Amino acid sequence: MDYGNDKKSAVDAKFDAQKIAFGPVMFQAALTMRNLGILETLHENRKKGLTIKEVAQFCKVPYYGTKVLLEAGISLEIVQVKENKYFLTKTGWFILNDPLTQVNMDFVQDVNYKAFFYLEDAVKKGKPEGLKVFGTWDTVYEALSELPLKVQKSWFAFDHYYSDTAFPELLDILFINKPGEILDVGGNTGKFSILCAKHDPDVHITILDLPGQLEKAEEKIAEEKLQNRIACIPMNLLDHTVPYPNGFDVVWMSQFLDCFPPKDIVQLLIKAKRSLNPDGAIYILETYWDKQKYPASMYSLHATSLYFTCLANGTSQMYHSNDMYEMIKEANLKIYNEWNNIGVSHSLIKCS
């Protein structure tokens, strides 16, 4: 299947090139207008509009700074001017109010912005060279528990936003055969395991992940008083000499495999296969860029792939679904079912 096109006029193409050239600058302008309350002030006065002077007074921001930001906002199409008064546009409304846009902007600003100075180095070396702005780790997953609190907050908000919208739909699919034992591989903070335990009082779940992530999971599990039904096993999941525990009806992998390159994904799937009971199944929840209903989703996933390149691990990405099908086949697994358009952008594959 073909993607993209080259049908725009030369004038439009040149304009788009300038948007790319000044993209980082204009991103900061939009973020600053959001953070200083300029967009909110325009929203509150959306019927009558405001002059530059009035916006500056309402927001307690110097006139000069307000002026250059609002003028940049015209080109960003987040504000418009009518008779010398500024009004918020639909795009400006989404920057101000849309949770998805807010999560993405905070993730870019707090987690990625400084790190992306090193994207070229990351591409050349196959290592997350941008991570060094925070410290000396091999991957971001080892660093999560030690990153600055603001960075952690934006990282987890980004990670959870996408999965949280999908989880309610997934429980009915996962529990149709009433599994007794679930292995949550890469369970992170334990959010999905806790939902499973609350959904079915008879199910037992085991979470595998790095020690730093499991500390947070164990705290949340204790808060919910679910220690008797959710166990945590710390494990370096990339040590392929160490098998998963076995005896499970379901192996659950949510937003997990995209964190690894293909050669590791195949090994992780092989270990998952060996941990299953005879009638067990592996469920893979991912966001594939070719499965998206809207261009905005595909755009966001391609950008997220670059986060993996520059900051997360230097080797993984948000995959095309055909890539995953090939890796599943290489692990000698068979696909039994697939569900698309779950939550914001997810697909679920069941295989065994």
Protein backbone atom coordinates (compact mmCIF):
# COMPACT_ATOMS: atom_id res chain seq x y z
CA MET A 1 0.00 0.00 0.00
CA ASP A 2 1.21 3.51 -0.84
CA TYR A 3 1.45 6.27 1.76
CA GLY A 4 1.80 10.03 1.40
CA ASN A 5 1.55 12.17 -1.74
CA ASP A 6 3.41 14.89 -3.61
CA LYS A 7 0.50 16.74 -5.19
CA LYS A 8 0.70 20.12 -3.43
CA SER A 9 1.77 23.21 -5.33
CA ALA A 10 5.34 24.49 -5.11
CA VAL A 11 4.12 27.50 -3.10
CA ASP A 12 2.36 25.27 -0.57
CA ALA A 13 5.34 22.93 -0.41
CA LYS A 14 7.70 25.82 0.30
CA PHE A 15 5.37 27.11 3.02
CA ASP A 16 5.30 23.66 4.63
CA ALA A 17 9.08 23.59 4.51
CA GLN A 18 9.18 26.84 6.50
CA LYS A 19 6.80 25.33 9.06
CA ILE A 20 9.33 22.54 9.53
CA ALA A 21 12.27 24.97 9.65
CA PHE A 22 10.69 27.03 12.44
CA GLY A 23 8.78 24.15 14.04
CA PRO A 24 10.69 24.05 17.35
CA VAL A 25 10.38 27.84 17.73
CA MET A 26 6.66 27.93 17.06
CA PHE A 27 6.04 24.92 19.33
CA GLN A 28 7.54 26.93 22.19
CA ALA A 29 5.37 29.91 21.30
CA ALA A 30 2.19 27.81 21.46
CA LEU A 31 3.28 26.17 24.72
CA THR A 32 4.11 29.55 26.27
CA MET A 33 0.72 30.97 25.26
CA ARG A 34 -0.93 28.00 26.92
CA ASN A 35 1.19 28.15 30.08
CA LEU A 36 0.90 31.92 30.58
CA GLY A 37 -2.89 31.80 30.38
CA ILE A 38 -3.15 33.69 27.10
CA LEU A 39 -5.22 31.01 25.38
CA GLU A 40 -7.45 30.58 28.41
CA THR A 41 -8.05 34.34 28.61
CA LEU A 42 -9.06 34.45 24.96
CA HIS A 43 -11.36 31.48 25.54
CA GLU A 44 -13.03 33.22 28.48
CA ASN A 45 -13.58 36.33 26.33
CA ARG A 46 -14.39 34.48 23.11
CA LYS A 47 -17.55 36.43 22.29
CA LYS A 48 -16.10 39.93 22.31
CA GLY A 49 -12.39 39.27 21.70
CA LEU A 50 -9.53 41.20 23.29
CA THR A 51 -6.89 43.69 22.20
CA ILE A 52 -3.23 42.97 22.82
CA LYS A 53 -3.23 45.45 25.70
CA GLU A 54 -6.24 43.77 27.31
CA VAL A 55 -4.68 40.30 27.02
CA ALA A 56 -1.47 41.62 28.58
CA GLN A 57 -3.39 43.17 31.49
CA PHE A 58 -5.54 40.08 32.13
CA CYS A 59 -2.53 37.73 32.05
CA LYS A 60 -0.09 40.09 33.82
CA VAL A 61 2.41 39.57 31.00
CA PRO A 62 4.44 42.49 29.52
CA TYR A 63 2.85 44.08 26.46
CA TYR A 64 5.83 43.33 24.20
CA GLY A 65 5.90 39.62 25.05
CA THR A 66 2.13 39.35 24.66
CA LYS A 67 2.31 41.07 21.27
CA VAL A 68 4.97 38.80 19.73
CA LEU A 69 3.26 35.68 21.05
CA LEU A 70 -0.16 36.66 19.71
CA GLU A 71 1.32 37.57 16.33
CA ALA A 72 3.07 34.21 16.18
CA GLY A 73 -0.30 32.68 17.10
CA ILE A 74 -1.76 34.09 13.89
CA SER A 75 0.69 32.08 11.78
CA LEU A 76 0.15 29.06 14.03
CA GLU A 77 -3.58 29.52 13.37
CA ILE A 78 -4.36 29.22 17.06
CA VAL A 79 -5.67 32.81 17.15
CA GLN A 80 -7.27 35.11 14.61
CA VAL A 81 -7.67 38.91 14.51
CA LYS A 82 -10.87 40.77 13.72
CA GLU A 83 -10.89 44.56 13.94
CA ASN A 84 -7.74 44.57 16.11
CA LYS A 85 -9.21 42.08 18.56
CA TYR A 86 -7.87 38.57 19.07
CA PHE A 87 -10.01 35.44 19.18
CA LEU A 88 -9.18 31.81 19.90
CA THR A 89 -9.51 29.45 16.89
CA LYS A 90 -10.58 25.79 16.93
CA THR A 91 -6.92 24.74 16.87
CA GLY A 92 -6.24 27.02 19.81
CA TRP A 93 -9.17 25.46 21.65
CA PHE A 94 -7.66 21.98 21.22
CA ILE A 95 -4.28 23.14 22.52
CA LEU A 96 -6.03 24.59 25.56
CA ASN A 97 -8.63 21.91 26.28
CA ASP A 98 -7.90 18.62 24.51
CA PRO A 99 -6.32 16.06 26.90
CA LEU A 100 -4.56 14.24 24.04
CA THR A 101 -2.93 17.43 22.80
CA GLN A 102 -1.94 18.48 26.32
CA VAL A 103 -0.39 15.09 27.07
CA ASN A 104 1.54 15.13 23.80
CA MET A 105 2.82 18.68 24.28
CA ASP A 106 3.96 18.03 27.85
CA PHE A 107 5.67 14.81 26.73
CA VAL A 108 7.52 16.66 23.98
CA GLN A 109 8.52 19.55 26.23
CA ASP A 110 9.46 17.78 29.46
CA VAL A 111 10.78 14.47 28.16
CA ASN A 112 11.98 15.01 24.59
CA TYR A 113 12.80 18.60 23.76
CA LYS A 114 16.40 18.88 24.93
CA ALA A 115 17.13 15.24 24.14
CA PHE A 116 16.28 15.66 20.46
CA PHE A 117 19.36 17.77 19.89
CA TYR A 118 21.08 14.37 19.75
CA LEU A 119 18.73 12.63 17.29
CA GLU A 120 21.33 12.55 14.52
CA ASP A 121 23.84 10.89 16.86
CA ALA A 122 21.19 8.36 17.94
CA VAL A 123 20.42 7.45 14.32
CA LYS A 124 24.10 6.97 13.50
CA LYS A 125 24.95 4.93 16.60
CA GLY A 126 21.72 2.99 17.20
CA LYS A 127 21.74 4.17 20.80
CA PRO A 128 19.46 6.60 22.72
CA GLU A 129 22.01 9.41 22.74
CA GLY A 130 19.39 11.94 23.88
CA LEU A 131 18.99 10.17 27.21
CA LYS A 132 22.28 11.66 28.39
CA VAL A 133 20.52 14.97 29.10
CA PHE A 134 19.08 13.17 32.14
CA GLY A 135 21.91 10.80 33.10
CA THR A 136 23.93 7.74 32.16
CA TRP A 137 21.55 4.86 31.47
CA ASP A 138 21.32 2.43 28.57
CA THR A 139 17.53 2.85 28.19
CA VAL A 140 14.85 5.17 29.54
CA TYR A 141 13.14 2.24 31.30
CA GLU A 142 16.07 1.83 33.68
CA ALA A 143 15.95 5.58 34.33
CA LEU A 144 12.23 6.07 34.97
CA SER A 145 12.29 5.83 38.75
CA GLU A 146 15.19 8.30 38.92
CA LEU A 147 14.12 10.92 36.40
CA PRO A 148 13.06 14.38 37.70
CA LEU A 149 9.49 14.27 39.01
CA LYS A 150 8.14 16.59 36.30
CA VAL A 151 9.68 14.39 33.62
CA GLN A 152 8.25 11.25 35.25
CA LYS A 153 4.82 12.87 35.45
CA SER A 154 4.77 13.75 31.75
CA TRP A 155 6.18 10.36 30.72
CA PHE A 156 3.59 8.36 32.67
CA ALA A 157 0.77 10.70 31.61
CA PHE A 158 1.71 10.05 27.97
CA ASP A 159 2.04 6.31 28.48
CA HIS A 160 -1.18 5.93 30.47
CA TYR A 161 -3.37 8.21 28.37
CA TYR A 162 -3.27 5.91 25.37
CA SER A 163 -3.65 2.67 27.30
CA ASP A 164 -6.29 3.95 29.75
CA THR A 165 -8.74 4.67 26.93
CA ALA A 166 -8.34 1.13 25.63
CA PHE A 167 -8.43 -0.88 28.87
CA PRO A 168 -12.22 -0.86 29.53
CA GLU A 169 -12.92 -2.39 26.09
CA LEU A 170 -10.22 -5.01 26.57
CA LEU A 171 -11.46 -6.55 29.80
CA ASP A 172 -14.55 -8.08 28.18
CA ILE A 173 -12.40 -9.60 25.42
CA LEU A 174 -9.74 -10.93 27.76
CA PHE A 175 -12.14 -12.48 30.28
CA ILE A 176 -14.56 -14.13 27.85
CA ASN A 177 -12.96 -17.53 28.70
CA LYS A 178 -12.44 -16.62 32.37
CA PRO A 179 -8.66 -17.09 32.68
CA GLY A 180 -7.44 -18.11 36.14
CA GLU A 181 -3.77 -17.14 35.77
CA ILE A 182 -2.52 -14.09 33.81
CA LEU A 183 1.10 -13.13 33.18
CA ASP A 184 1.44 -9.37 32.61
CA VAL A 185 4.80 -8.97 30.86
CA GLY A 186 6.14 -5.44 31.13
CA GLY A 187 3.33 -4.55 33.51
CA ASN A 188 4.87 -1.17 34.38
CA THR A 189 2.98 0.42 37.31
CA GLY A 190 0.48 -2.44 37.52
CA LYS A 191 -2.48 -0.45 36.30
CA PHE A 192 -3.90 -3.13 34.01
CA SER A 193 -3.25 -5.95 36.48
CA ILE A 194 -5.17 -4.06 39.16
CA LEU A 195 -8.09 -3.55 36.75
CA CYS A 196 -8.09 -7.28 36.00
CA ALA A 197 -8.09 -8.19 39.69
CA LYS A 198 -11.03 -5.86 40.31
CA HIS A 199 -12.87 -7.18 37.26
CA ASP A 200 -12.69 -10.84 38.32
CA PRO A 201 -12.31 -11.77 42.01
CA ASP A 202 -10.97 -15.23 41.10
CA VAL A 203 -8.12 -14.28 38.78
CA HIS A 204 -4.45 -14.25 39.81
CA ILE A 205 -1.91 -12.07 38.02
CA THR A 206 1.88 -12.10 37.92
CA ILE A 207 3.71 -8.97 36.73
CA LEU A 208 7.17 -9.09 35.19
CA ASP A 209 9.21 -5.90 34.83
CA LEU A 210 12.34 -4.08 35.92
CA PRO A 211 12.74 -3.51 39.68
CA GLY A 212 12.25 0.27 39.42
CA GLN A 213 8.85 -0.03 37.75
CA LEU A 214 7.73 -2.79 40.11
CA GLU A 215 8.35 -0.60 43.16
CA LYS A 216 5.56 1.69 41.95
CA ALA A 217 3.37 -1.28 41.06
CA GLU A 218 3.78 -2.84 44.49
CA GLU A 219 2.81 0.45 46.16
CA LYS A 220 -0.40 0.67 44.14
CA ILE A 221 -1.20 -3.02 44.66
CA ALA A 222 -0.79 -2.58 48.43
CA GLU A 223 -3.05 0.48 48.37
CA GLU A 224 -5.75 -1.65 46.71
CA LYS A 225 -5.08 -4.55 49.15
CA LEU A 226 -4.55 -6.98 46.26
CA GLN A 227 -1.21 -8.50 47.34
CA ASN A 228 -2.81 -11.94 47.67
CA ARG A 229 -3.82 -11.99 43.98
CA ILE A 230 -1.13 -9.92 42.22
CA ALA A 231 2.52 -10.99 42.45
CA CYS A 232 5.50 -9.00 41.15
CA ILE A 233 8.66 -10.66 39.85
CA PRO A 234 11.58 -8.33 39.01
CA MET A 235 13.30 -9.40 35.80
CA ASN A 236 15.59 -8.11 33.09
CA LEU A 237 13.27 -9.02 30.25
CA LEU A 238 16.08 -8.73 27.71
CA ASP A 239 18.04 -11.55 29.33
CA HIS A 240 16.76 -14.27 27.03
CA THR A 241 18.52 -17.00 29.03
CA VAL A 242 16.00 -16.46 31.85
CA PRO A 243 12.56 -17.95 31.07
CA TYR A 244 9.25 -16.54 32.20
CA PRO A 245 7.43 -18.53 34.90
CA ASN A 246 4.95 -20.98 33.40
CA GLY A 247 1.40 -22.26 33.94
CA PHE A 248 -0.55 -19.29 32.57
CA ASP A 249 -3.84 -19.13 30.71
CA VAL A 250 -3.01 -15.70 29.30
CA VAL A 251 0.21 -13.84 28.59
CA TRP A 252 -0.60 -10.14 28.33
CA MET A 253 1.71 -7.70 26.51
CA SER A 254 0.37 -4.15 26.48
CA GLN A 255 2.37 -1.39 24.77
CA PHE A 256 5.37 -3.56 25.55
CA LEU A 257 6.77 -5.10 22.37
CA ASP A 258 7.15 -1.71 20.67
CA CYS A 259 9.88 -1.03 23.24
CA PHE A 260 12.21 -3.54 21.55
CA PRO A 261 13.84 -4.29 18.18
CA PRO A 262 12.55 -7.22 16.10
CA LYS A 263 15.20 -9.74 17.19
CA ASP A 264 14.25 -9.22 20.85
CA ILE A 265 10.51 -9.23 20.14
CA VAL A 266 10.79 -12.69 18.58
CA GLN A 267 12.63 -14.01 21.64
CA LEU A 268 10.12 -12.41 24.01
CA LEU A 269 7.28 -14.07 22.11
CA ILE A 270 9.02 -17.45 22.19
CA LYS A 271 9.38 -17.19 25.97
CA ALA A 272 5.72 -16.17 26.22
CA LYS A 273 4.71 -19.23 24.22
CA ARG A 274 6.63 -21.51 26.60
CA SER A 275 4.91 -20.05 29.65
CA LEU A 276 1.38 -20.89 28.43
CA ASN A 277 -0.89 -23.71 29.48
CA PRO A 278 -1.93 -25.96 26.53
CA ASP A 279 -5.08 -23.93 25.79
CA GLY A 280 -3.54 -20.57 26.69
CA ALA A 281 -3.24 -17.47 24.50
CA ILE A 282 -0.96 -14.49 24.07
CA TYR A 283 -2.60 -11.07 23.72
CA ILE A 284 -0.57 -8.28 22.12
CA LEU A 285 -1.87 -4.71 22.45
CA GLU A 286 -0.09 -2.17 20.24
CA THR A 287 -0.60 0.94 18.13
CA TYR A 288 0.28 0.26 14.48
CA TRP A 289 0.72 3.34 12.34
CA ASP A 290 -0.91 1.73 9.30
CA LYS A 291 -4.07 0.85 11.26
CA GLN A 292 -5.03 4.42 12.18
CA LYS A 293 -8.35 5.99 11.17
CA TYR A 294 -7.03 9.57 11.21
CA PRO A 295 -3.91 11.24 9.77
CA ALA A 296 -3.25 12.86 13.15
CA SER A 297 -2.82 9.43 14.73
CA MET A 298 -0.34 8.24 12.11
CA TYR A 299 1.58 11.52 12.45
CA SER A 300 1.78 11.12 16.23
CA LEU A 301 2.95 7.51 16.00
CA HIS A 302 5.71 8.36 13.52
CA ALA A 303 6.87 11.07 15.91
CA THR A 304 6.74 8.60 18.80
CA SER A 305 9.01 6.25 16.85
CA LEU A 306 11.63 9.01 16.89
CA TYR A 307 11.30 9.23 20.67
CA PHE A 308 12.27 5.54 20.81
CA THR A 309 15.22 6.26 18.53
CA CYS A 310 16.53 9.28 20.39
CA LEU A 311 15.61 8.70 24.01
CA ALA A 312 14.04 5.35 24.87
CA ASN A 313 16.43 2.70 23.55
CA GLY A 314 17.72 3.62 20.10
CA THR A 315 16.41 0.45 18.44
CA SER A 316 12.60 0.21 18.49
CA GLN A 317 9.59 2.00 17.04
CA MET A 318 5.83 2.11 16.58
CA TYR A 319 5.56 -0.70 14.06
CA HIS A 320 3.61 -1.29 10.87
CA SER A 321 1.25 -4.21 11.49
CA ASN A 322 3.03 -6.31 8.83
CA ASP A 323 6.22 -6.06 10.89
CA MET A 324 4.42 -7.59 13.87
CA TYR A 325 2.81 -10.31 11.77
CA GLU A 326 6.27 -11.35 10.55
CA MET A 327 7.68 -11.47 14.08
CA ILE A 328 4.71 -13.52 15.31
CA LYS A 329 5.26 -15.94 12.44
CA GLU A 330 8.99 -16.17 13.19
CA ALA A 331 8.15 -17.12 16.80
CA ASN A 332 6.01 -20.00 15.41
CA LEU A 333 2.78 -18.53 16.70
CA LYS A 334 -0.60 -18.46 14.97
CA ILE A 335 -2.93 -15.47 14.98
CA TYR A 336 -6.47 -16.40 16.01
CA ASN A 337 -8.16 -13.02 16.13
CA GLU A 338 -7.54 -9.30 15.82
CA TRP A 339 -9.48 -6.28 17.06
CA ASN A 340 -8.77 -2.77 15.71
CA ASN A 341 -9.77 0.77 16.60
CA ILE A 342 -9.72 0.14 20.34
CA GLY A 343 -9.52 3.27 22.48
CA VAL A 344 -7.59 6.09 20.80
CA SER A 345 -5.53 4.02 18.38
CA HIS A 346 -4.92 0.45 19.55
CA SER A 347 -5.10 -2.99 17.97
CA LEU A 348 -5.27 -6.28 19.89
CA ILE A 349 -3.90 -9.52 18.46
CA LYS A 350 -4.68 -12.90 20.00
CA CYS A 351 -2.26 -15.69 19.15
CA SER A 352 -1.17 -19.08 20.39
